[in-house]
C-alpha atoms as a PDB file:
ATOM      1  CA  MET A   1     146.547 117.395 -31.694  1.00  0.00           C
ATOM      2  CA  THR A   2     147.745 115.392 -28.672  1.00  0.00           C
ATOM      3  CA  PHE A   3     145.866 114.286 -25.563  1.00  0.00           C
ATOM      4  CA  GLU A   4     146.286 112.186 -22.434  1.00  0.00           C
ATOM      5  CA  ASN A   5     144.400 108.901 -22.413  1.00  0.00           C
ATOM      6  CA  LYS A   6     142.448 109.598 -19.226  1.00  0.00           C
ATOM      7  CA  ALA A   7     138.665 109.835 -18.847  1.00  0.00           C
ATOM      8  CA  SER A   8     138.938 112.542 -16.220  1.00  0.00           C
ATOM      9  CA  ARG A   9     140.794 115.064 -18.431  1.00  0.00           C
ATOM     10  CA  ILE A  10     139.408 116.966 -21.408  1.00  0.00           C
ATOM     11  CA  LEU A  11     141.727 118.531 -23.962  1.00  0.00           C
ATOM     12  CA  THR A  12     140.428 121.514 -25.920  1.00  0.00           C
ATOM     13  CA  VAL A  13     142.278 122.493 -29.114  1.00  0.00           C
ATOM     14  CA  PRO A  14     140.838 125.669 -30.655  1.00  0.00           C
ATOM     15  CA  VAL A  15     141.332 125.931 -34.405  1.00  0.00           C
ATOM     16  CA  ILE A  16     140.445 129.069 -36.329  1.00  0.00           C
ATOM     17  CA  VAL A  17     139.264 128.435 -39.908  1.00  0.00           C
ATOM     18  CA  LYS A  18     139.033 131.426 -42.268  1.00  0.00           C
ATOM     19  CA  ALA A  19     136.558 131.430 -45.151  1.00  0.00           C
ATOM     20  CA  ARG A  20     138.049 131.656 -48.670  1.00  0.00           C
ATOM     21  CA  THR A  21     137.255 134.547 -51.012  1.00  0.00           C
ATOM     22  CA  PRO A  22     135.142 133.310 -53.948  1.00  0.00           C
ATOM     23  CA  GLN A  23     136.846 133.561 -57.331  1.00  0.00           C
ATOM     24  CA  GLY A  24     135.875 136.402 -59.671  1.00  0.00           C
ATOM     25  CA  GLN A  25     134.882 138.808 -56.910  1.00  0.00           C
ATOM     26  CA  GLY A  26     138.212 140.634 -56.759  1.00  0.00           C
ATOM     27  CA  ASN A  27     139.134 142.067 -53.429  1.00  0.00           C
ATOM     28  CA  LYS A  28     135.578 142.253 -52.138  1.00  0.00           C
ATOM     29  CA  GLU A  29     135.556 141.518 -48.418  1.00  0.00           C
ATOM     30  CA  THR A  30     133.438 138.591 -47.122  1.00  0.00           C
ATOM     31  CA  PRO A  31     132.431 137.853 -43.495  1.00  0.00           C
ATOM     32  CA  LYS A  32     134.921 135.680 -41.631  1.00  0.00           C
ATOM     33  CA  ALA A  33     133.712 132.399 -40.052  1.00  0.00           C
ATOM     34  CA  GLU A  34     135.490 131.085 -36.958  1.00  0.00           C
ATOM     35  CA  TRP A  35     135.219 127.406 -35.862  1.00  0.00           C
ATOM     36  CA  LYS A  36     135.956 126.258 -32.307  1.00  0.00           C
ATOM     37  CA  ILE A  37     137.270 122.693 -32.434  1.00  0.00           C
ATOM     38  CA  GLU A  38     137.353 120.640 -29.191  1.00  0.00           C
ATOM     39  CA  THR A  39     138.518 117.093 -28.496  1.00  0.00           C
ATOM     40  CA  LYS A  40     137.175 115.330 -25.409  1.00  0.00           C
ATOM     41  CA  ILE A  41     137.701 111.926 -23.800  1.00  0.00           C
ATOM     42  CA  GLU A  42     134.366 110.360 -22.834  1.00  0.00           C
ATOM     43  CA  THR A  43     133.404 107.023 -21.289  1.00  0.00           C
ATOM     44  CA  LEU A  44     130.298 104.896 -21.702  1.00  0.00           C
ATOM     45  CA  THR A  45     129.328 102.024 -19.348  1.00  0.00           C
ATOM     46  CA  THR A  46     127.229  99.211 -20.780  1.00  0.00           C
ATOM     47  CA  SER A  47     125.999  95.878 -19.422  1.00  0.00           C
ATOM     48  CA  VAL A  48     127.524  92.543 -20.459  1.00  0.00           C
ATOM     49  CA  PRO A  49     124.919  89.759 -20.739  1.00  0.00           C
ATOM     50  CA  TYR A  50     125.613  86.438 -19.042  1.00  0.00           C
ATOM     51  CA  ASN A  51     125.520  83.040 -20.715  1.00  0.00           C
ATOM     52  CA  ARG A  52     123.271  80.118 -19.834  1.00  0.00           C
ATOM     53  CA  VAL A  53     125.288  76.957 -19.262  1.00  0.00           C
ATOM     54  CA  GLN A  54     123.733  73.519 -18.845  1.00  0.00           C
ATOM     55  CA  GLU A  55     125.196  70.673 -16.805  1.00  0.00           C
ATOM     56  CA  GLU A  56     123.962  67.111 -16.541  1.00  0.00           C
ATOM     57  CA  ASN A  57     123.014  65.793 -13.122  1.00  0.00           C
ATOM     58  CA  PRO A  58     122.783  62.001 -12.958  1.00  0.00           C
ATOM     59  CA  TYR A  59     121.006  62.177  -9.585  1.00  0.00           C
ATOM     60  CA  LEU A  60     118.226  64.400 -10.921  1.00  0.00           C
ATOM     61  CA  LEU A  61     115.265  62.851 -12.691  1.00  0.00           C
ATOM     62  CA  LYS A  62     115.277  63.134 -16.446  1.00  0.00           C
ATOM     63  CA  GLY A  63     113.434  66.202 -17.686  1.00  0.00           C
ATOM     64  CA  VAL A  64     113.864  68.104 -14.406  1.00  0.00           C
ATOM     65  CA  GLU A  65     115.896  71.316 -14.388  1.00  0.00           C
ATOM     66  CA  GLN A  66     117.187  73.344 -11.468  1.00  0.00           C
ATOM     67  CA  VAL A  67     119.384  76.441 -11.090  1.00  0.00           C
ATOM     68  CA  LYS A  68     122.809  75.668  -9.674  1.00  0.00           C
ATOM     69  CA  VAL A  69     124.373  79.145 -10.102  1.00  0.00           C
ATOM     70  CA  VAL A  70     122.297  82.319 -10.565  1.00  0.00           C
ATOM     71  CA  GLY A  71     123.433  84.383 -13.563  1.00  0.00           C
ATOM     72  CA  LYS A  72     124.485  88.001 -13.202  1.00  0.00           C
ATOM     73  CA  GLU A  73     125.223  90.628 -15.853  1.00  0.00           C
ATOM     74  CA  GLY A  74     128.649  92.282 -15.969  1.00  0.00           C
ATOM     75  CA  LEU A  75     129.725  95.856 -16.747  1.00  0.00           C
ATOM     76  CA  GLU A  76     131.935  97.122 -19.598  1.00  0.00           C
ATOM     77  CA  THR A  77     133.466 100.596 -19.875  1.00  0.00           C
ATOM     78  CA  ILE A  78     134.201 101.986 -23.352  1.00  0.00           C
ATOM     79  CA  THR A  79     136.455 105.052 -23.771  1.00  0.00           C
ATOM     80  CA  TYR A  80     135.949 107.358 -26.789  1.00  0.00           C
ATOM     81  CA  GLU A  81     137.812 110.318 -28.293  1.00  0.00           C
ATOM     82  CA  VAL A  82     135.077 112.732 -29.400  1.00  0.00           C
ATOM     83  CA  THR A  83     135.591 115.779 -31.624  1.00  0.00           C
ATOM     84  CA  TYR A  84     133.237 118.783 -31.350  1.00  0.00           C
ATOM     85  CA  ALA A  85     132.937 121.819 -33.651  1.00  0.00           C
ATOM     86  CA  ASN A  86     131.166 124.779 -32.096  1.00  0.00           C
ATOM     87  CA  GLY A  87     129.636 122.428 -29.521  1.00  0.00           C
ATOM     88  CA  LYS A  88     128.358 119.863 -32.053  1.00  0.00           C
ATOM     89  CA  GLU A  89     129.802 116.365 -32.290  1.00  0.00           C
ATOM     90  CA  LYS A  90     131.672 115.837 -35.562  1.00  0.00           C
ATOM     91  CA  GLY A  91     133.523 112.583 -34.929  1.00  0.00           C
ATOM     92  CA  ARG A  92     133.973 109.723 -32.458  1.00  0.00           C
ATOM     93  CA  ARG A  93     136.776 107.186 -32.165  1.00  0.00           C
ATOM     94  CA  GLU A  94     136.956 104.263 -29.729  1.00  0.00           C
ATOM     95  CA  VAL A  95     140.159 104.336 -27.656  1.00  0.00           C
ATOM     96  CA  ARG A  96     139.757 101.266 -25.476  1.00  0.00           C
ATOM     97  CA  ARG A  97     137.207  98.809 -24.093  1.00  0.00           C
ATOM     98  CA  GLU A  98     137.493  97.331 -20.586  1.00  0.00           C
ATOM     99  CA  VAL A  99     135.353  94.870 -18.603  1.00  0.00           C
ATOM    100  CA  THR A 100     135.097  96.380 -15.131  1.00  0.00           C
ATOM    101  CA  THR A 101     132.701  93.755 -13.665  1.00  0.00           C
ATOM    102  CA  PRO A 102     132.825  90.240 -15.147  1.00  0.00           C
ATOM    103  CA  ALA A 103     129.542  88.511 -15.936  1.00  0.00           C
ATOM    104  CA  VAL A 104     128.525  85.421 -13.936  1.00  0.00           C
ATOM    105  CA  ASP A 105     127.179  82.663 -16.141  1.00  0.00           C
ATOM    106  CA  GLU A 106     123.950  80.963 -15.115  1.00  0.00           C
ATOM    107  CA  VAL A 107     124.399  77.238 -14.557  1.00  0.00           C
ATOM    108  CA  ILE A 108     121.366  74.998 -15.056  1.00  0.00           C
ATOM    109  CA  GLU A 109     121.414  71.350 -13.985  1.00  0.00           C
ATOM    110  CA  ILE A 110     119.591  68.966 -16.325  1.00  0.00           C
ATOM    111  CA  GLY A 111     118.427  65.680 -14.847  1.00  0.00           C
ATOM    112  CA  THR A 112     119.474  62.484 -16.638  1.00  0.00           C
ATOM    113  CA  LYS A 113     118.292  59.904 -14.148  1.00  0.00           C
ATOM    114  CA  LYS A 114     115.854  57.505 -15.786  1.00  0.00           C
ATOM    115  CA  VAL A 115     112.681  56.471 -14.044  1.00  0.00           C
ATOM    116  CA  ILE A 116     112.509  52.684 -13.908  1.00  0.00           C
ATOM    117  CA  SER A 117     108.896  52.529 -12.850  1.00  0.00           C
ATOM    118  CA  ASP A 118     106.074  54.858 -13.687  1.00  0.00           C
ATOM    119  CA  ALA A 119     106.999  57.234 -10.900  1.00  0.00           C
ATOM    120  CA  LYS A 120     104.805  60.189 -10.064  1.00  0.00           C
ATOM    121  CA  VAL A 121     106.945  63.322 -10.261  1.00  0.00           C
ATOM    122  CA  GLU A 122     105.884  66.368  -8.283  1.00  0.00           C
ATOM    123  CA  VAL A 123     107.496  69.767  -7.812  1.00  0.00           C
ATOM    124  CA  LYS A 124     106.596  71.608  -4.608  1.00  0.00           C
ATOM    125  CA  ILE A 125     107.508  74.964  -3.094  1.00  0.00           C
ATOM    126  CA  GLU A 126     108.573  74.551   0.528  1.00  0.00           C
ATOM    127  CA  THR A 127     109.820  77.010   3.138  1.00  0.00           C
ATOM    128  CA  LEU A 128     112.201  76.550   6.042  1.00  0.00           C
ATOM    129  CA  THR A 129     112.388  79.021   8.943  1.00  0.00           C
ATOM    130  CA  THR A 130     115.669  79.252  10.852  1.00  0.00           C
ATOM    131  CA  SER A 131     116.767  81.438  13.750  1.00  0.00           C
ATOM    132  CA  ILE A 132     119.374  84.203  13.480  1.00  0.00           C
ATOM    133  CA  PRO A 133     121.521  84.662  16.609  1.00  0.00           C
ATOM    134  CA  TYR A 134     121.803  88.126  18.135  1.00  0.00           C
ATOM    135  CA  ASN A 135     124.993  89.966  19.032  1.00  0.00           C
ATOM    136  CA  ARG A 136     126.050  91.178  22.485  1.00  0.00           C
ATOM    137  CA  VAL A 137     126.931  94.895  22.508  1.00  0.00           C
ATOM    138  CA  GLN A 138     128.566  96.638  25.474  1.00  0.00           C
ATOM    139  CA  GLU A 139     128.100 100.311  26.397  1.00  0.00           C
ATOM    140  CA  GLU A 140     129.787 102.330  29.148  1.00  0.00           C
ATOM    141  CA  ASN A 141     127.585 103.962  31.785  1.00  0.00           C
ATOM    142  CA  PRO A 142     129.349 106.726  33.744  1.00  0.00           C
ATOM    143  CA  TYR A 143     126.576 106.721  36.371  1.00  0.00           C
ATOM    144  CA  LEU A 144     126.988 102.992  37.147  1.00  0.00           C
ATOM    145  CA  LEU A 145     129.676 101.809  39.595  1.00  0.00           C
ATOM    146  CA  LYS A 146     132.758 100.323  37.970  1.00  0.00           C
ATOM    147  CA  GLY A 147     132.542  96.549  37.573  1.00  0.00           C
ATOM    148  CA  VAL A 148     128.732  96.501  37.667  1.00  0.00           C
ATOM    149  CA  GLU A 149     126.841  95.260  34.593  1.00  0.00           C
ATOM    150  CA  GLN A 150     123.171  95.535  33.774  1.00  0.00           C
ATOM    151  CA  VAL A 151     121.022  94.702  30.756  1.00  0.00           C
ATOM    152  CA  LYS A 152     119.793  97.807  28.928  1.00  0.00           C
ATOM    153  CA  VAL A 153     118.137  96.022  25.983  1.00  0.00           C
ATOM    154  CA  ALA A 154     117.273  92.323  26.059  1.00  0.00           C
ATOM    155  CA  GLY A 155     118.552  90.431  23.011  1.00  0.00           C
ATOM    156  CA  LYS A 156     116.142  88.641  20.724  1.00  0.00           C
ATOM    157  CA  GLU A 157     116.865  86.184  17.930  1.00  0.00           C
ATOM    158  CA  GLY A 158     115.603  86.927  14.439  1.00  0.00           C
ATOM    159  CA  LEU A 159     113.941  84.630  11.920  1.00  0.00           C
ATOM    160  CA  GLU A 160     114.956  83.866   8.352  1.00  0.00           C
ATOM    161  CA  THR A 161     112.692  82.141   5.840  1.00  0.00           C
ATOM    162  CA  ILE A 162     114.275  80.134   3.013  1.00  0.00           C
ATOM    163  CA  THR A 163     112.137  79.060   0.057  1.00  0.00           C
ATOM    164  CA  TYR A 164     113.027  75.870  -1.845  1.00  0.00           C
ATOM    165  CA  GLU A 165     111.775  74.204  -4.990  1.00  0.00           C
ATOM    166  CA  VAL A 166     111.654  70.498  -4.118  1.00  0.00           C
ATOM    167  CA  THR A 167     111.176  67.628  -6.576  1.00  0.00           C
ATOM    168  CA  TYR A 168     109.550  64.384  -5.436  1.00  0.00           C
ATOM    169  CA  ALA A 169     109.290  61.022  -7.237  1.00  0.00           C
ATOM    170  CA  ASP A 170     106.726  58.649  -5.764  1.00  0.00           C
ATOM    171  CA  GLY A 171     106.743  60.735  -2.607  1.00  0.00           C
ATOM    172  CA  LYS A 172     110.554  60.682  -2.189  1.00  0.00           C
ATOM    173  CA  GLU A 173     112.657  63.818  -2.506  1.00  0.00           C
ATOM    174  CA  THR A 174     114.997  63.680  -5.502  1.00  0.00           C
ATOM    175  CA  GLY A 175     116.088  67.311  -5.854  1.00  0.00           C
ATOM    176  CA  ARG A 176     116.088  70.641  -4.014  1.00  0.00           C
ATOM    177  CA  SER A 177     117.077  74.152  -5.144  1.00  0.00           C
ATOM    178  CA  GLU A 178     116.967  77.412  -3.198  1.00  0.00           C
ATOM    179  CA  VAL A 179     114.634  80.030  -4.678  1.00  0.00           C
ATOM    180  CA  ARG A 180     115.018  82.925  -2.251  1.00  0.00           C
ATOM    181  CA  ARG A 181     116.083  83.839   1.286  1.00  0.00           C
ATOM    182  CA  GLU A 182     114.284  86.493   3.350  1.00  0.00           C
ATOM    183  CA  VAL A 183     114.668  87.884   6.894  1.00  0.00           C
ATOM    184  CA  THR A 184     111.127  87.894   8.283  1.00  0.00           C
ATOM    185  CA  THR A 185     111.956  88.986  11.854  1.00  0.00           C
ATOM    186  CA  PRO A 186     114.951  91.280  12.419  1.00  0.00           C
ATOM    187  CA  VAL A 187     117.471  90.511  15.159  1.00  0.00           C
ATOM    188  CA  VAL A 188     117.479  92.651  18.320  1.00  0.00           C
ATOM    189  CA  ASP A 189     121.011  92.924  19.696  1.00  0.00           C
ATOM    190  CA  GLU A 190     121.516  92.627  23.456  1.00  0.00           C
ATOM    191  CA  VAL A 191     122.899  95.839  24.993  1.00  0.00           C
ATOM    192  CA  ILE A 192     124.861  95.521  28.257  1.00  0.00           C
ATOM    193  CA  GLU A 193     125.764  98.598  30.282  1.00  0.00           C
ATOM    194  CA  ILE A 194     129.210  98.475  31.911  1.00  0.00           C
ATOM    195  CA  GLY A 195     129.726 100.761  34.897  1.00  0.00           C
ATOM    196  CA  SER A 196     132.696 103.136  34.746  1.00  0.00           C
ATOM    197  CA  LYS A 197     131.996 105.299  37.835  1.00  0.00           C
ATOM    198  CA  LYS A 198     134.780 105.112  40.428  1.00  0.00           C
ATOM    199  CA  LEU A 199     133.832 104.565  44.088  1.00  0.00           C
ATOM    200  CA  VAL A 200     134.937 107.494  46.308  1.00  0.00           C
ATOM    201  CA  SER A 201     135.197 106.470  50.006  1.00  0.00           C
ATOM    202  CA  ASN A 202     134.023 109.011  52.626  1.00  0.00           C
ATOM    203  CA  HIS A 203     136.053 108.854  55.855  1.00  0.00           C
ATOM    204  CA  SER A 204     133.525 109.115  58.730  1.00  0.00           C
ATOM    205  CA  LYS A 205     134.464 111.386  61.597  1.00  0.00           C
ATOM    206  CA  HIS A 206     135.056 109.799  65.041  1.00  0.00           C
ATOM    207  CA  VAL A 207     132.267 110.718  67.380  1.00  0.00           C
ATOM    208  CA  PRO A 208     133.225 110.217  71.065  1.00  0.00           C
ATOM    209  CA  LEU A 209     130.826 108.097  73.081  1.00  0.00           C
ATOM    210  CA  PRO A 210     129.299 109.588  76.226  1.00  0.00           C
ATOM    211  CA  GLN A 211     131.396 108.920  79.353  1.00  0.00           C
ATOM    212  CA  ALA A 212     130.049 106.258  81.681  1.00  0.00           C
ATOM    213  CA  TYR A 213     129.961 107.141  85.374  1.00  0.00           C
ATOM    214  CA  PRO A 214     130.146 104.602  88.254  1.00  0.00           C
ATOM    215  CA  GLN A 215     126.861 103.989  89.970  1.00  0.00           C
ATOM    216  CA  ASN A 216     128.199 105.083  93.347  1.00  0.00           C
ATOM    217  CA  GLN A 217     129.105 108.499  91.930  1.00  0.00           C
ATOM    218  CA  LEU A 218     125.648 109.217  90.508  1.00  0.00           C
ATOM    219  CA  THR A 219     123.547 111.658  92.441  1.00  0.00           C
ATOM    220  CA  ASN A 220     119.881 112.442  92.278  1.00  0.00           C
ATOM    221  CA  SER A 221     120.634 115.599  90.355  1.00  0.00           C
ATOM    222  CA  GLN A 222     122.470 113.627  87.604  1.00  0.00           C
ATOM    223  CA  LEU A 223     119.655 111.117  87.036  1.00  0.00           C
ATOM    224  CA  PRO A 224     116.680 111.822  84.827  1.00  0.00           C
ATOM    225  CA  ARG A 225     113.549 112.790  86.649  1.00  0.00           C
ATOM    226  CA  THR A 226     111.244 109.785  86.658  1.00  0.00           C
ATOM    227  CA  GLY A 227     109.120 110.708  89.655  1.00  0.00           C
ATOM    228  CA  GLY A 228     111.473 109.511  92.430  1.00  0.00           C
ATOM    229  CA  SER A 229     115.065 109.322  93.686  1.00  0.00           C
ATOM    230  CA  ILE A 230     117.492 106.431  94.048  1.00  0.00           C
ATOM    231  CA  GLY A 231     117.073 106.350  97.858  1.00  0.00           C
ATOM    232  CA  LYS A 232     113.303 106.130  97.833  1.00  0.00           C
ATOM    233  CA  THR A 233     113.229 103.503  95.113  1.00  0.00           C
ATOM    234  CA  GLY A 234     115.725 101.300  96.942  1.00  0.00           C
ATOM    235  CA  LEU A 235     113.850 101.573 100.245  1.00  0.00           C
ATOM    236  CA  VAL A 236     110.522 100.527  98.724  1.00  0.00           C
ATOM    237  CA  SER A 237     112.137  97.594  96.938  1.00  0.00           C
ATOM    238  CA  GLY A 238     113.793  96.413 100.142  1.00  0.00           C
ATOM    239  CA  VAL A 239     110.559  96.529 102.145  1.00  0.00           C
ATOM    240  CA  LEU A 240     108.674  94.531  99.519  1.00  0.00           C
ATOM    241  CA  THR A 241     111.430  91.905  99.376  1.00  0.00           C
ATOM    242  CA  LEU A 242     111.461  91.446 103.177  1.00  0.00           C
ATOM    243  CA  GLY A 243     107.643  91.186 103.295  1.00  0.00           C
ATOM    244  CA  LEU A 244     107.550  88.436 100.665  1.00  0.00           C
ATOM    245  CA  ALA A 245     110.307  86.495 102.460  1.00  0.00           C
ATOM    246  CA  PHE A 246     108.467  86.732 105.784  1.00  0.00           C
ATOM    247  CA  LEU A 247     105.209  85.455 104.306  1.00  0.00           C
ATOM    248  CA  SER A 248     106.984  82.522 102.670  1.00  0.00           C
ATOM    249  CA  PHE A 249     108.731  81.596 105.934  1.00  0.00           C
ATOM    250  CA  SER A 250     105.483  81.770 107.918  1.00  0.00           C
ATOM    251  CA  GLY A 251     103.726  79.427 105.531  1.00  0.00           C
ATOM    252  CA  LYS A 252     106.471  76.807 105.899  1.00  0.00           C
ATOM    253  CA  CYS A 253     106.334  76.981 109.696  1.00  0.00           C
ATOM    254  CA  LYS A 254     102.548  76.290 109.790  1.00  0.00           C
ATOM    255  CA  LYS A 255     102.989  73.210 107.574  1.00  0.00           C
ATOM    256  CA  ILE A 256     105.648  71.810 109.926  1.00  0.00           C
ATOM    257  CA  GLY A 257     103.473  72.435 113.081  1.00  0.00           C
END
C-alpha cells in the first residue's frame, strides 16, 4: 500500500479476504467473507501549554510579583495514518507532528528590593481613561456642487479605560502592571461630503430695452393718461411760478418804502 503524505487526500485500498475451508469437511462450501480495507490520512490539532518563567526585578519590592508578559497557549497539529476494516478503525500510526502556533511563555517579575525601614506596602487597582482620536472619512455627493464640502456626521472622540495594579510603599509608587484595557466609548468618525456636481452655465437671452423718445417728440396720445395733458400741466405750473414771484417782489418793495 502506498499513499501521499497529505492531510487533504484519502487513499482507499480495498482488499478482499476469503475465508478458509475448515479441515475435515471435504469440499463442503462455506460462506465467503469479504473485508473492505481503507487507509486514511487524518490530522488532530491539540493545544501546547505555555511555561511560567520568573525574572528578578531589583526595582520591585521583595515579595511583590507582577506579570511582565501574558502567557498564551500554542497549537500543534499531529498527522496520523489510520487503517479501517469495514468502517472500523484497526490501526493508527503517527506520521508527523508540527507546531503551527508557538506558545508564548508567561513572564513573572519577582521583586528583590529590600525594604530598609518598616515600609507599609499596599497594592491598589487604579484606572486611567484616555481619549481615542476619530478618523476623517470623505464621501462624494453628486447633488453638491464640485469643490463644496459639508459635514455629514460630526466626529467624536472615544474613551479607553486602562486598569493597572499599582504597588505603593509608604505612599510612594514602586510598581505598576497593566491588568486590562477596555474601550468604554466608541469613536464616531467624522464624515465629510465632497461635491462632485458640475456647474452648467445658462446663457441668458438678450432682451432689448424699450426705445427712449425725445421729449419734444412725445404727444398727448403717447403719454399715459394721468388726468391731464402736457400743455395744461405746463400752463398751470407757469402761472403758479409767476404768482409766487410777484408776491415776493411786492413784499420787498413795501419794506424799502
